């Protein structure tokens, strides 16, 4: 290996690290750009090449990513149909021009000077997410990325520029999003759900038409009314995002947050003549939850939480009205005995649904603690005592169920 010092390379800190440094945010990862070098030059300095589609390398000591400056030319459909040119004559400005947003198209040299050919600093001050050039439209994944950035930086007052919204709308109309793979779409959804304002991600997708293209069953909920007596916000779509906001307050778990989006999908199937009531929407929504989880290849646990919340959230809301044997049947369906952690996520999801209503945002949800107590009481019952009584097979199960019903009954009496 050539021992020439790597500091001879013309390197720049680029992208998100520069943006977040200027915003005073914690820098999660640093990406570096190398101008005027070749693949052979990088390898001779001990860098290890890891990029398949374009030259990206790991630093021999720090293991941070260094990419050669490149340009890209669209060839084919989707976000993978690009021809990459990464020769030493590519300039820093040419590389920055291919990036998505002006706030991501800045670089910092070794002396601390900011290279900002597309006025990213001004857009940071103006709190605008604006595309660098019309080449933005060549990558459909950018529609979701911009929506995710809007969610991430919402707390700072950032919005998407009108001209960028228009361009995103045009991309949707042209069918570009049809070229996205399920795993890339889910990655953007899951990362956005992890932000503090994931509802903004959904709102931007709705505004651009992307939500209708990617998840029509969710997009359909806007304009569908709920009974005003229970839902001051009335609109099911608005309610769904209110539930998502409450889910964020209650849990960092992606399953709880995704369940907020799926719990009322069945209301989109209610005939208009039946509005504003939605009898049976819990059961009718299950195939829709299955469908989106299959379409996006949603992880199994997230899917499970979404399904049980969709089917049983009204049971949870009516917990005090349920007979003890009905509660036990629900526990068995939820498989709380083997999946107690999922049961807790279910309760948090139901609490988010209850408080995700206009005027109910800070209301108590005693149903959750009631079900926690009944579950705890049931767990105290051991098969051992029934085995010692000489019971066998089904008789043991029947005796355990009877004891659990009695335990739930006792908790219920204490609560009344």
Protein backbone atom coordinates (compact mmCIF):
# COMPACT_ATOMS: atom_id res chain seq x y z
CA UNK A 1 0.00 0.00 0.00
CA UNK A 2 1.26 3.46 -0.91
CA UNK A 3 1.93 5.35 2.31
CA UNK A 4 1.24 8.77 0.80
CA UNK A 5 -0.64 10.87 3.37
CA UNK A 6 -4.42 10.91 2.88
CA UNK A 7 -4.43 14.60 3.83
CA UNK A 8 -3.20 15.38 0.31
CA UNK A 9 -6.72 14.67 -0.95
CA UNK A 10 -9.02 17.61 -1.73
CA UNK A 11 -11.84 16.65 0.66
CA UNK A 12 -15.05 18.34 1.79
CA UNK A 13 -17.64 17.62 4.45
CA UNK A 14 -20.95 17.49 2.57
CA UNK A 15 -24.70 17.05 2.85
CA UNK A 16 -26.58 16.54 6.07
CA UNK A 17 -23.60 17.12 8.35
CA UNK A 18 -23.12 20.65 6.99
CA UNK A 19 -26.85 21.35 7.18
CA UNK A 20 -27.19 20.15 10.76
CA UNK A 21 -24.00 21.90 11.86
CA UNK A 22 -25.44 25.20 10.62
CA UNK A 23 -28.74 24.43 12.38
CA UNK A 24 -26.99 23.57 15.63
CA UNK A 25 -28.29 20.01 15.54
CA UNK A 26 -26.34 16.95 16.60
CA UNK A 27 -24.46 15.47 13.66
CA UNK A 28 -25.30 11.78 13.41
CA UNK A 29 -22.92 10.86 10.61
CA UNK A 30 -20.34 12.62 8.47
CA UNK A 31 -19.99 12.10 4.73
CA UNK A 32 -16.99 13.37 2.81
CA UNK A 33 -16.53 14.22 -0.84
CA UNK A 34 -13.23 13.91 -2.68
CA UNK A 35 -12.54 16.12 -5.71
CA UNK A 36 -9.82 15.48 -8.29
CA UNK A 37 -9.07 11.87 -7.35
CA UNK A 38 -9.55 8.52 -9.09
CA UNK A 39 -10.51 5.07 -7.87
CA UNK A 40 -6.89 3.92 -8.23
CA UNK A 41 -5.70 6.91 -6.20
CA UNK A 42 -8.12 6.12 -3.37
CA UNK A 43 -7.16 2.44 -3.31
CA UNK A 44 -3.46 3.30 -3.30
CA UNK A 45 -4.03 5.34 -0.12
CA UNK A 46 -5.58 2.39 1.66
CA UNK A 47 -9.25 3.28 1.22
CA UNK A 48 -11.62 0.32 0.83
CA UNK A 49 -14.21 0.62 -1.93
CA UNK A 50 -17.77 -0.25 -0.84
CA UNK A 51 -19.97 1.47 -3.41
CA UNK A 52 -21.37 -0.68 -6.20
CA UNK A 53 -23.22 1.93 -8.26
CA UNK A 54 -20.67 4.70 -7.73
CA UNK A 55 -17.25 5.00 -6.02
CA UNK A 56 -17.67 5.20 -2.24
CA UNK A 57 -14.82 4.30 0.08
CA UNK A 58 -14.13 3.75 3.76
CA UNK A 59 -11.25 5.70 5.29
CA UNK A 60 -8.46 3.30 6.33
CA UNK A 61 -8.44 4.60 9.92
CA UNK A 62 -11.70 6.38 10.76
CA UNK A 63 -13.90 4.12 8.55
CA UNK A 64 -15.93 7.19 7.60
CA UNK A 65 -17.38 7.34 4.08
CA UNK A 66 -15.58 9.20 1.31
CA UNK A 67 -17.19 9.47 -2.13
CA UNK A 68 -15.63 10.67 -5.35
CA UNK A 69 -17.27 13.76 -6.85
CA UNK A 70 -19.68 12.63 -9.53
CA UNK A 71 -22.39 13.63 -11.93
CA UNK A 72 -25.43 11.52 -12.78
CA UNK A 73 -27.45 11.16 -15.95
CA UNK A 74 -30.93 9.66 -15.94
CA UNK A 75 -31.28 6.46 -17.93
CA UNK A 76 -34.34 4.35 -17.34
CA UNK A 77 -37.11 4.43 -14.76
CA UNK A 78 -37.08 4.75 -11.00
CA UNK A 79 -34.36 5.79 -8.60
CA UNK A 80 -31.77 3.26 -9.83
CA UNK A 81 -31.79 4.23 -13.50
CA UNK A 82 -28.72 6.50 -13.43
CA UNK A 83 -25.42 6.54 -15.27
CA UNK A 84 -22.66 7.75 -12.97
CA UNK A 85 -19.58 9.71 -14.04
CA UNK A 86 -16.91 9.98 -11.32
CA UNK A 87 -13.66 11.12 -12.91
CA UNK A 88 -11.08 13.59 -11.52
CA UNK A 89 -12.42 16.44 -13.68
CA UNK A 90 -15.79 16.59 -11.86
CA UNK A 91 -15.96 19.82 -9.80
CA UNK A 92 -17.45 20.34 -6.36
CA UNK A 93 -20.20 22.52 -7.86
CA UNK A 94 -21.13 19.83 -10.38
CA UNK A 95 -21.42 17.26 -7.62
CA UNK A 96 -23.55 19.51 -5.43
CA UNK A 97 -25.88 20.27 -8.35
CA UNK A 98 -27.11 16.65 -8.49
CA UNK A 99 -28.33 16.72 -4.86
CA UNK A 100 -31.98 16.96 -3.85
CA UNK A 101 -32.42 20.10 -1.72
CA UNK A 102 -30.44 23.32 -1.52
CA UNK A 103 -29.97 22.82 2.22
CA UNK A 104 -28.31 19.48 1.42
CA UNK A 105 -26.18 20.91 -1.40
CA UNK A 106 -23.51 22.65 0.69
CA UNK A 107 -19.95 21.63 1.43
CA UNK A 108 -17.36 22.62 4.03
CA UNK A 109 -13.66 22.63 3.13
CA UNK A 110 -10.76 21.95 5.48
CA UNK A 111 -10.36 25.65 6.27
CA UNK A 112 -13.97 26.00 7.37
CA UNK A 113 -15.17 27.78 4.24
CA UNK A 114 -18.71 26.92 3.09
CA UNK A 115 -19.23 26.18 -0.60
CA UNK A 116 -22.85 27.08 -1.29
CA UNK A 117 -23.56 27.52 -5.02
CA UNK A 118 -27.34 27.09 -4.68
CA UNK A 119 -28.07 29.41 -1.73
CA UNK A 120 -28.67 26.69 0.83
CA UNK A 121 -27.71 29.01 3.68
CA UNK A 122 -30.37 31.51 2.63
CA UNK A 123 -32.97 28.72 2.48
CA UNK A 124 -31.92 27.64 5.98
CA UNK A 125 -32.58 31.18 7.18
CA UNK A 126 -35.87 31.27 5.29
CA UNK A 127 -36.70 27.79 6.63
CA UNK A 128 -37.43 26.47 3.15
CA UNK A 129 -36.96 22.99 1.72
CA UNK A 130 -36.38 23.75 -1.96
CA UNK A 131 -35.11 21.56 -4.78
CA UNK A 132 -31.75 22.33 -6.35
CA UNK A 133 -32.79 21.82 -9.97
CA UNK A 134 -35.37 20.11 -12.15
CA UNK A 135 -33.11 17.04 -12.04
CA UNK A 136 -34.86 16.48 -8.68
CA UNK A 137 -37.70 14.84 -10.63
CA UNK A 138 -35.42 12.07 -11.90
CA UNK A 139 -35.51 10.30 -8.52
CA UNK A 140 -39.03 9.47 -7.20
CA UNK A 141 -37.66 8.54 -3.77
CA UNK A 142 -37.03 12.25 -3.24
CA UNK A 143 -40.78 12.85 -2.86
CA UNK A 144 -40.71 10.77 0.32
CA UNK A 145 -37.37 12.16 1.46
CA UNK A 146 -38.61 15.74 1.27
CA UNK A 147 -41.74 14.78 3.22
CA UNK A 148 -39.48 13.16 5.84
CA UNK A 149 -37.30 16.27 6.07
CA UNK A 150 -40.44 18.37 6.47
CA UNK A 151 -41.40 16.19 9.44
CA UNK A 152 -37.92 16.31 10.96
CA UNK A 153 -37.48 20.08 10.75
CA UNK A 154 -41.08 21.07 11.41
CA UNK A 155 -40.20 22.06 14.98
CA UNK A 156 -37.87 24.72 13.55
CA UNK A 157 -40.60 26.10 11.31
CA UNK A 158 -39.45 24.59 8.01
CA UNK A 159 -41.90 24.16 5.13
CA UNK A 160 -41.60 22.82 1.60
CA UNK A 161 -41.27 25.51 -1.06
CA UNK A 162 -44.33 25.92 -3.28
CA UNK A 163 -42.34 25.24 -6.44
CA UNK A 164 -41.01 22.01 -4.94
CA UNK A 165 -44.52 20.89 -3.98
CA UNK A 166 -45.58 21.56 -7.58
CA UNK A 167 -42.69 19.52 -8.94
CA UNK A 168 -43.49 16.66 -6.58
CA UNK A 169 -47.12 16.75 -7.70
CA UNK A 170 -46.01 16.50 -11.32
CA UNK A 171 -43.82 13.50 -10.48
CA UNK A 172 -46.80 11.74 -8.90
CA UNK A 173 -49.04 12.46 -11.89
CA UNK A 174 -46.39 11.07 -14.21
CA UNK A 175 -46.44 7.79 -12.26
CA UNK A 176 -42.84 7.98 -11.09
CA UNK A 177 -43.70 6.60 -7.63
CA UNK A 178 -44.79 3.33 -9.22
CA UNK A 179 -41.11 2.55 -9.73
CA UNK A 180 -40.29 2.58 -6.01
CA UNK A 181 -39.62 -0.74 -4.28
CA UNK A 182 -41.50 -1.69 -1.11
CA UNK A 183 -38.40 -1.74 1.07
CA UNK A 184 -37.41 1.82 0.09
CA UNK A 185 -40.92 3.12 0.70
CA UNK A 186 -41.14 1.40 4.09
CA UNK A 187 -37.71 2.73 5.04
CA UNK A 188 -38.91 6.30 4.49
CA UNK A 189 -42.20 5.62 6.29
CA UNK A 190 -40.51 4.03 9.30
CA UNK A 191 -37.84 6.72 9.56
CA UNK A 192 -40.53 9.40 9.37
CA UNK A 193 -42.62 7.68 12.03
CA UNK A 194 -39.58 7.93 14.27
CA UNK A 195 -39.58 11.74 14.04
CA UNK A 196 -41.32 14.03 16.53
CA UNK A 197 -43.83 15.24 13.93
CA UNK A 198 -44.60 12.27 11.67
CA UNK A 199 -48.02 13.73 10.90
CA UNK A 200 -46.23 16.33 8.75
CA UNK A 201 -44.81 13.51 6.61
CA UNK A 202 -48.35 12.30 5.93
CA UNK A 203 -49.62 15.82 5.29
CA UNK A 204 -46.94 16.50 2.69
CA UNK A 205 -47.63 13.18 0.98
CA UNK A 206 -51.34 14.09 0.85
CA UNK A 207 -50.63 17.54 -0.54
CA UNK A 208 -48.52 16.13 -3.36
CA UNK A 209 -50.88 13.25 -4.18
CA UNK A 210 -48.22 10.75 -3.12
CA UNK A 211 -50.33 9.33 -0.30
CA UNK A 212 -53.14 8.47 -2.70
CA UNK A 213 -50.62 6.81 -5.01
CA UNK A 214 -48.87 4.81 -2.30
CA UNK A 215 -51.63 4.19 0.25
CA UNK A 216 -55.10 5.02 -1.17
CA UNK A 217 -56.94 3.36 1.76
CA UNK A 218 -55.41 5.88 4.16
CA UNK A 219 -55.82 8.86 1.83
CA UNK A 220 -59.50 7.99 1.49
CA UNK A 221 -60.22 8.73 5.17
CA UNK A 222 -60.18 12.51 4.69
CA UNK A 223 -63.75 13.70 4.20
CA UNK A 224 -65.34 10.74 5.97
CA UNK A 225 -67.26 11.94 9.07
CA UNK A 226 -67.46 10.47 12.56
CA UNK A 227 -70.30 11.12 15.04
CA UNK A 228 -69.76 14.62 16.41
CA UNK A 229 -70.79 13.51 19.91
CA UNK A 230 -67.63 11.39 20.17
CA UNK A 231 -65.41 13.15 17.65
CA UNK A 232 -65.33 16.92 17.85
CA UNK A 233 -62.89 16.96 14.95
CA UNK A 234 -65.46 14.93 12.92
CA UNK A 235 -63.18 14.12 9.96
CA UNK A 236 -61.64 10.62 10.12
CA UNK A 237 -58.43 11.69 8.40
CA UNK A 238 -57.93 14.53 10.86
CA UNK A 239 -58.66 12.14 13.72
CA UNK A 240 -56.07 9.70 12.38
CA UNK A 241 -53.32 12.32 12.47
CA UNK A 242 -54.43 13.45 15.93
CA UNK A 243 -54.07 9.84 17.09
CA UNK A 244 -50.60 9.73 15.54
CA UNK A 245 -49.63 12.88 17.45
CA UNK A 246 -50.83 11.29 20.70
CA UNK A 247 -48.97 8.08 19.88
CA UNK A 248 -45.77 10.12 19.59
CA UNK A 249 -46.33 11.47 23.12
CA UNK A 250 -46.94 7.99 24.54
CA UNK A 251 -44.37 5.81 22.81
CA UNK A 252 -41.31 5.76 20.57
CA UNK A 253 -42.34 2.36 19.24
CA UNK A 254 -42.91 2.37 15.48
CA UNK A 255 -45.66 -0.25 15.88
CA UNK A 256 -47.74 2.07 18.07
CA UNK A 257 -47.30 4.92 15.62
CA UNK A 258 -48.09 2.81 12.57
CA UNK A 259 -51.17 1.40 14.32
CA UNK A 260 -52.38 4.99 14.70
CA UNK A 261 -52.50 5.19 10.91
CA UNK A 262 -54.19 1.83 10.40
CA UNK A 263 -56.69 1.54 13.26
CA UNK A 264 -59.60 3.20 11.42
CA UNK A 265 -58.93 2.11 7.83
CA UNK A 266 -62.23 0.18 7.88
CA UNK A 267 -64.17 3.44 8.03
CA UNK A 268 -63.17 4.01 4.43
CA UNK A 269 -65.41 1.06 3.49
CA UNK A 270 -68.54 2.35 5.23
CA UNK A 271 -71.28 3.14 2.68
CA UNK A 272 -71.98 6.87 2.59
CA UNK A 273 -75.61 6.17 3.46
CA UNK A 274 -74.45 4.87 6.87
CA UNK A 275 -72.32 7.91 7.76
CA UNK A 276 -71.40 9.11 10.32
CA UNK A 277 -71.61 5.73 12.09
CA UNK A 278 -69.19 2.95 11.22
CA UNK A 279 -70.49 -0.27 12.74
CA UNK A 280 -68.09 -3.16 12.25
CA UNK A 281 -65.24 -1.02 10.95
CA UNK A 282 -62.82 -2.88 13.20
CA UNK A 283 -63.31 -6.20 11.40
CA UNK A 284 -63.72 -4.71 7.94
CA UNK A 285 -60.44 -2.87 8.32
CA UNK A 286 -58.38 -6.02 8.89
CA UNK A 287 -57.92 -6.91 5.18
CA UNK A 288 -56.84 -3.32 4.52
CA UNK A 289 -54.22 -3.54 7.26
CA UNK A 290 -53.05 -6.88 5.86
CA UNK A 291 -52.86 -5.36 2.39
CA UNK A 292 -50.70 -2.36 3.28
CA UNK A 293 -48.41 -4.49 5.46
CA UNK A 294 -47.94 -6.90 2.57
CA UNK A 295 -47.46 -4.10 0.05
CA UNK A 296 -44.81 -2.29 2.12
CA UNK A 297 -43.29 -5.47 3.61
CA UNK A 298 -43.95 -4.15 7.10
CA UNK A 299 -42.05 -6.04 9.85
CA UNK A 300 -44.08 -8.78 11.52
CA UNK A 301 -44.32 -7.21 14.96
CA UNK A 302 -45.49 -3.87 13.55
CA UNK A 303 -48.07 -5.75 11.50
CA UNK A 304 -49.26 -7.71 14.54
CA UNK A 305 -49.71 -4.57 16.66
CA UNK A 306 -51.61 -2.88 13.84
CA UNK A 307 -53.95 -5.85 13.40
CA UNK A 308 -54.82 -6.26 17.08
CA UNK A 309 -55.35 -2.52 17.53
CA UNK A 310 -57.58 -2.40 14.46
CA UNK A 311 -59.71 -5.31 15.67
CA UNK A 312 -59.88 -4.66 19.40
CA UNK A 313 -59.52 -0.91 20.03
CA UNK A 314 -63.25 -0.54 20.73
CA UNK A 315 -63.08 -3.48 23.14
CA UNK A 316 -60.40 -1.61 25.03
CA UNK A 317 -62.41 1.63 25.08
CA UNK A 318 -65.40 -0.31 26.49
CA UNK A 319 -63.35 -2.34 28.96
CA UNK A 320 -65.50 -1.43 31.96
CA UNK A 321 -68.62 -2.60 30.11
CA UNK A 322 -67.18 -5.96 29.06
CA UNK A 323 -68.10 -9.17 30.88
CA UNK A 324 -65.14 -10.90 32.60
CA UNK A 325 -65.35 -13.83 30.19
CA UNK A 326 -65.24 -11.41 27.24
CA UNK A 327 -62.11 -9.80 28.65
CA UNK A 328 -60.53 -13.24 29.02
CA UNK A 329 -61.46 -14.10 25.44
CA UNK A 330 -59.84 -10.86 24.29
CA UNK A 331 -56.70 -11.66 26.30
CA UNK A 332 -56.52 -15.05 24.62
CA UNK A 333 -56.96 -13.51 21.17
CA UNK A 334 -54.25 -10.94 21.90
CA UNK A 335 -52.00 -13.76 23.18
CA UNK A 336 -51.10 -11.65 26.19
CA UNK A 337 -49.70 -14.68 28.02
CA UNK A 338 -46.86 -15.12 25.53
CA UNK A 339 -46.62 -11.53 24.29
CA UNK A 340 -47.02 -9.22 27.30
CA UNK A 341 -44.87 -6.52 25.68
CA UNK A 342 -47.20 -6.41 22.68
CA UNK A 343 -50.14 -6.12 25.06
CA UNK A 344 -48.60 -2.98 26.53
CA UNK A 345 -48.13 -1.54 23.03
CA UNK A 346 -51.78 -2.36 22.32
CA UNK A 347 -52.90 -0.44 25.41
CA UNK A 348 -50.78 2.58 24.49
CA UNK A 349 -52.23 2.54 20.97
CA UNK A 350 -55.77 2.48 22.32
CA UNK A 351 -54.98 5.32 24.69
CA UNK A 352 -53.65 7.34 21.74
CA UNK A 353 -56.90 6.66 19.86
CA UNK A 354 -58.99 7.84 22.80
CA UNK A 355 -57.01 11.05 23.33
CA UNK A 356 -56.67 11.73 19.61
CA UNK A 357 -59.97 13.58 19.54
CA UNK A 358 -60.76 17.26 19.70
CA UNK A 359 -61.08 18.32 23.34
CA UNK A 360 -59.93 14.92 24.65
CA UNK A 361 -56.19 15.40 24.19
CA UNK A 362 -55.44 15.48 27.93
CA UNK A 363 -58.18 13.16 29.18
CA UNK A 364 -57.44 10.19 31.43
CA UNK A 365 -57.73 6.68 30.05
CA UNK A 366 -58.47 4.45 33.08
CA UNK A 367 -59.39 1.52 30.83
CA UNK A 368 -55.68 0.81 30.25
CA UNK A 369 -54.85 0.46 33.94
CA UNK A 370 -57.98 -1.60 34.51
CA UNK A 371 -56.90 -4.09 31.85
CA UNK A 372 -53.34 -4.08 33.19
CA UNK A 373 -54.69 -5.00 36.64
CA UNK A 374 -56.94 -7.75 35.33
CA UNK A 375 -54.04 -9.18 33.34
CA UNK A 376 -51.82 -9.09 36.41
CA UNK A 377 -54.49 -10.87 38.44
CA UNK A 378 -54.80 -13.57 35.77
CA UNK A 379 -51.07 -14.15 35.72
CA UNK A 380 -51.12 -15.11 39.39
CA UNK A 381 -53.08 -18.23 38.54
CA UNK A 382 -50.85 -21.27 38.10
CA UNK A 383 -51.74 -24.65 36.57
CA UNK A 384 -49.83 -26.30 39.40
CA UNK A 385 -52.67 -26.10 41.91
CA UNK A 386 -55.07 -27.81 39.50
CA UNK A 387 -52.60 -30.53 38.66
CA UNK A 388 -52.21 -31.18 42.38
CA UNK A 389 -56.00 -31.56 42.58
CA UNK A 390 -55.69 -34.46 40.15
CA UNK A 391 -57.20 -32.67 37.14
CA UNK A 392 -55.97 -33.61 33.67
CA UNK A 393 -56.09 -32.32 30.09
CA UNK A 394 -59.04 -30.13 29.21
CA UNK A 395 -60.24 -30.10 32.81
CA UNK A 396 -57.07 -28.20 33.78
CA UNK A 397 -57.67 -25.61 31.07
CA UNK A 398 -61.32 -25.19 32.06
CA UNK A 399 -60.36 -24.76 35.70
CA UNK A 400 -57.72 -22.18 34.83
CA UNK A 401 -60.17 -20.22 32.68
CA UNK A 402 -62.76 -20.30 35.46
CA UNK A 403 -60.20 -19.02 37.97
CA UNK A 404 -59.15 -16.24 35.62
CA UNK A 405 -62.75 -15.15 35.11
CA UNK A 406 -63.17 -15.04 38.88
CA UNK A 407 -59.98 -12.98 39.22
CA UNK A 408 -61.19 -10.51 36.59
CA UNK A 409 -64.58 -10.33 38.33
CA UNK A 410 -62.88 -9.46 41.61
CA UNK A 411 -60.87 -6.65 40.01
CA UNK A 412 -64.04 -5.37 38.34
CA UNK A 413 -65.89 -5.27 41.66
CA UNK A 414 -63.01 -3.36 43.26
CA UNK A 415 -63.19 -0.77 40.49
CA UNK A 416 -66.95 -0.22 40.76
